[in-house]
Amino acid sequence: MLDTKDYEWDSKIRIWTEMFVIQIKPVCNYLLYQSGEFFKCILKFPIDEFKLNSSTFYNKHSLENCQLDDIGLQELSDFSRRECGDLAVRNMMEHEEYVRATVCKSIRN
């Protein structure tokens, strides 16, 4: 026999879990990215070639003449390894989606 209280409780748990995954988890992941070794590293250095583009994280629009393709990501990885070590690079790759959304490489015309 199915207990309706258990079913209602399971439903509530499922709703809260879905809400967490959809709304809260991305915010937590982004905060982890911003407090991680890579982000701390990249903020220390004035880098002419790369710039932070925080507006792209939420609206997913990139700046004109600015992108971070695979080559740019590798260059940024090399820079991070050289200046801040492997931990920063590992952190960068764990948050690749956020890196691509918030850091871009200037394209010279």
C-alpha atoms as a PDB file:
ATOM      1  CA  MET A   1       0.000   0.000   0.000  1.00  0.00           C
ATOM      2  CA  LEU A   2       1.325   3.416  -1.015  1.00  0.00           C
ATOM      3  CA  ASP A   3       1.508   5.947   1.777  1.00  0.00           C
ATOM      4  CA  THR A   4       0.433   9.326   0.383  1.00  0.00           C
ATOM      5  CA  LYS A   5       2.562  11.204   2.932  1.00  0.00           C
ATOM      6  CA  ASP A   6       5.694   9.500   1.607  1.00  0.00           C
ATOM      7  CA  TYR A   7       4.674  10.336  -1.951  1.00  0.00           C
ATOM      8  CA  GLU A   8       4.080  14.006  -1.048  1.00  0.00           C
ATOM      9  CA  TRP A   9       7.434  14.159   0.735  1.00  0.00           C
ATOM     10  CA  ASP A  10       9.216  12.598  -2.257  1.00  0.00           C
ATOM     11  CA  SER A  11       7.536  15.147  -4.525  1.00  0.00           C
ATOM     12  CA  LYS A  12       8.733  18.032  -2.377  1.00  0.00           C
ATOM     13  CA  ILE A  13      12.268  16.656  -2.300  1.00  0.00           C
ATOM     14  CA  ARG A  14      12.244  16.295  -6.080  1.00  0.00           C
ATOM     15  CA  ILE A  15      11.032  19.896  -6.525  1.00  0.00           C
ATOM     16  CA  TRP A  16      13.708  21.264  -4.171  1.00  0.00           C
ATOM     17  CA  THR A  17      16.387  19.193  -5.867  1.00  0.00           C
ATOM     18  CA  GLU A  18      15.389  20.473  -9.296  1.00  0.00           C
ATOM     19  CA  MET A  19      15.359  24.047  -8.016  1.00  0.00           C
ATOM     20  CA  PHE A  20      18.833  23.582  -6.551  1.00  0.00           C
ATOM     21  CA  VAL A  21      20.248  22.141  -9.756  1.00  0.00           C
ATOM     22  CA  ILE A  22      18.660  24.769 -11.992  1.00  0.00           C
ATOM     23  CA  GLN A  23      19.072  27.915  -9.885  1.00  0.00           C
ATOM     24  CA  ILE A  24      21.501  27.522  -7.030  1.00  0.00           C
ATOM     25  CA  LYS A  25      24.196  25.177  -8.336  1.00  0.00           C
ATOM     26  CA  PRO A  26      25.309  27.481 -11.207  1.00  0.00           C
ATOM     27  CA  VAL A  27      25.668  30.388  -8.777  1.00  0.00           C
ATOM     28  CA  CYS A  28      27.718  28.237  -6.395  1.00  0.00           C
ATOM     29  CA  ASN A  29      29.915  27.051  -9.268  1.00  0.00           C
ATOM     30  CA  TYR A  30      30.493  30.625 -10.423  1.00  0.00           C
ATOM     31  CA  LEU A  31      31.415  31.705  -6.884  1.00  0.00           C
ATOM     32  CA  LEU A  32      33.853  28.790  -6.701  1.00  0.00           C
ATOM     33  CA  TYR A  33      35.350  29.978  -9.992  1.00  0.00           C
ATOM     34  CA  GLN A  34      35.701  33.557  -8.737  1.00  0.00           C
ATOM     35  CA  SER A  35      37.362  32.437  -5.513  1.00  0.00           C
ATOM     36  CA  GLY A  36      39.617  29.872  -7.184  1.00  0.00           C
ATOM     37  CA  GLU A  37      43.328  29.979  -7.926  1.00  0.00           C
ATOM     38  CA  PHE A  38      42.933  30.812 -11.612  1.00  0.00           C
ATOM     39  CA  PHE A  39      40.719  33.853 -11.082  1.00  0.00           C
ATOM     40  CA  LYS A  40      42.971  35.141  -8.285  1.00  0.00           C
ATOM     41  CA  CYS A  41      45.953  34.651 -10.588  1.00  0.00           C
ATOM     42  CA  ILE A  42      44.518  36.377 -13.633  1.00  0.00           C
ATOM     43  CA  LEU A  43      43.452  39.414 -11.586  1.00  0.00           C
ATOM     44  CA  LYS A  44      47.032  39.972 -10.363  1.00  0.00           C
ATOM     45  CA  PHE A  45      48.469  40.710 -13.777  1.00  0.00           C
ATOM     46  CA  PRO A  46      47.760  43.484 -16.233  1.00  0.00           C
ATOM     47  CA  ILE A  47      47.458  41.466 -19.401  1.00  0.00           C
ATOM     48  CA  ASP A  48      47.137  43.494 -22.577  1.00  0.00           C
ATOM     49  CA  GLU A  49      46.259  40.484 -24.665  1.00  0.00           C
ATOM     50  CA  PHE A  50      43.433  39.162 -22.473  1.00  0.00           C
ATOM     51  CA  LYS A  51      40.698  41.050 -20.709  1.00  0.00           C
ATOM     52  CA  LEU A  52      37.909  40.158 -18.340  1.00  0.00           C
ATOM     53  CA  ASN A  53      34.478  40.400 -19.839  1.00  0.00           C
ATOM     54  CA  SER A  54      32.185  39.851 -16.882  1.00  0.00           C
ATOM     55  CA  SER A  55      29.122  41.019 -18.790  1.00  0.00           C
ATOM     56  CA  THR A  56      29.214  37.889 -20.943  1.00  0.00           C
ATOM     57  CA  PHE A  57      28.657  35.477 -18.075  1.00  0.00           C
ATOM     58  CA  TYR A  58      24.966  36.146 -17.762  1.00  0.00           C
ATOM     59  CA  ASN A  59      23.943  37.344 -21.192  1.00  0.00           C
ATOM     60  CA  LYS A  60      26.305  35.136 -23.231  1.00  0.00           C
ATOM     61  CA  HIS A  61      27.139  37.966 -25.660  1.00  0.00           C
ATOM     62  CA  SER A  62      30.811  38.494 -26.367  1.00  0.00           C
ATOM     63  CA  LEU A  63      32.491  41.825 -26.871  1.00  0.00           C
ATOM     64  CA  GLU A  64      33.131  42.968 -30.414  1.00  0.00           C
ATOM     65  CA  ASN A  65      36.571  41.939 -31.653  1.00  0.00           C
ATOM     66  CA  CYS A  66      37.002  39.691 -28.645  1.00  0.00           C
ATOM     67  CA  GLN A  67      36.812  35.918 -28.322  1.00  0.00           C
ATOM     68  CA  LEU A  68      38.478  33.036 -26.541  1.00  0.00           C
ATOM     69  CA  ASP A  69      38.906  30.168 -28.965  1.00  0.00           C
ATOM     70  CA  ASP A  70      40.869  26.965 -28.303  1.00  0.00           C
ATOM     71  CA  ILE A  71      44.172  28.629 -29.197  1.00  0.00           C
ATOM     72  CA  GLY A  72      43.439  31.550 -26.874  1.00  0.00           C
ATOM     73  CA  LEU A  73      42.480  29.129 -24.109  1.00  0.00           C
ATOM     74  CA  GLN A  74      45.802  27.310 -24.549  1.00  0.00           C
ATOM     75  CA  GLU A  75      47.722  30.603 -24.466  1.00  0.00           C
ATOM     76  CA  LEU A  76      45.881  31.600 -21.303  1.00  0.00           C
ATOM     77  CA  SER A  77      46.636  28.186 -19.817  1.00  0.00           C
ATOM     78  CA  ASP A  78      50.346  28.582 -20.625  1.00  0.00           C
ATOM     79  CA  PHE A  79      50.377  32.064 -19.084  1.00  0.00           C
ATOM     80  CA  SER A  80      48.610  30.800 -15.938  1.00  0.00           C
ATOM     81  CA  ARG A  81      51.029  27.884 -15.584  1.00  0.00           C
ATOM     82  CA  ARG A  82      54.029  30.185 -15.997  1.00  0.00           C
ATOM     83  CA  GLU A  83      52.806  32.870 -13.592  1.00  0.00           C
ATOM     84  CA  CYS A  84      50.761  30.928 -11.020  1.00  0.00           C
ATOM     85  CA  GLY A  85      51.460  27.221 -11.386  1.00  0.00           C
ATOM     86  CA  ASP A  86      49.601  24.021 -12.119  1.00  0.00           C
ATOM     87  CA  LEU A  87      46.920  24.543  -9.469  1.00  0.00           C
ATOM     88  CA  ALA A  88      45.695  27.672 -11.265  1.00  0.00           C
ATOM     89  CA  VAL A  89      45.612  25.808 -14.590  1.00  0.00           C
ATOM     90  CA  ARG A  90      43.739  22.887 -13.076  1.00  0.00           C
ATOM     91  CA  ASN A  91      41.227  25.318 -11.576  1.00  0.00           C
ATOM     92  CA  MET A  92      40.931  27.088 -14.927  1.00  0.00           C
ATOM     93  CA  MET A  93      40.121  23.847 -16.747  1.00  0.00           C
ATOM     94  CA  GLU A  94      37.602  22.804 -14.085  1.00  0.00           C
ATOM     95  CA  HIS A  95      35.741  26.029 -14.883  1.00  0.00           C
ATOM     96  CA  GLU A  96      36.396  26.196 -18.621  1.00  0.00           C
ATOM     97  CA  GLU A  97      32.831  27.285 -19.389  1.00  0.00           C
ATOM     98  CA  TYR A  98      33.165  30.290 -17.081  1.00  0.00           C
ATOM     99  CA  VAL A  99      36.646  31.100 -18.369  1.00  0.00           C
ATOM    100  CA  ARG A 100      35.394  31.170 -21.947  1.00  0.00           C
ATOM    101  CA  ALA A 101      32.464  33.350 -20.862  1.00  0.00           C
ATOM    102  CA  THR A 102      34.442  35.863 -18.801  1.00  0.00           C
ATOM    103  CA  VAL A 103      37.881  36.106 -20.384  1.00  0.00           C
ATOM    104  CA  CYS A 104      38.424  37.001 -23.977  1.00  0.00           C
ATOM    105  CA  LYS A 105      41.409  37.483 -26.221  1.00  0.00           C
ATOM    106  CA  SER A 106      41.642  40.695 -28.165  1.00  0.00           C
ATOM    107  CA  ILE A 107      41.661  40.197 -31.892  1.00  0.00           C
ATOM    108  CA  ARG A 108      44.024  42.554 -33.620  1.00  0.00           C
ATOM    109  CA  ASN A 109      42.737  43.915 -36.919  1.00  0.00           C
END
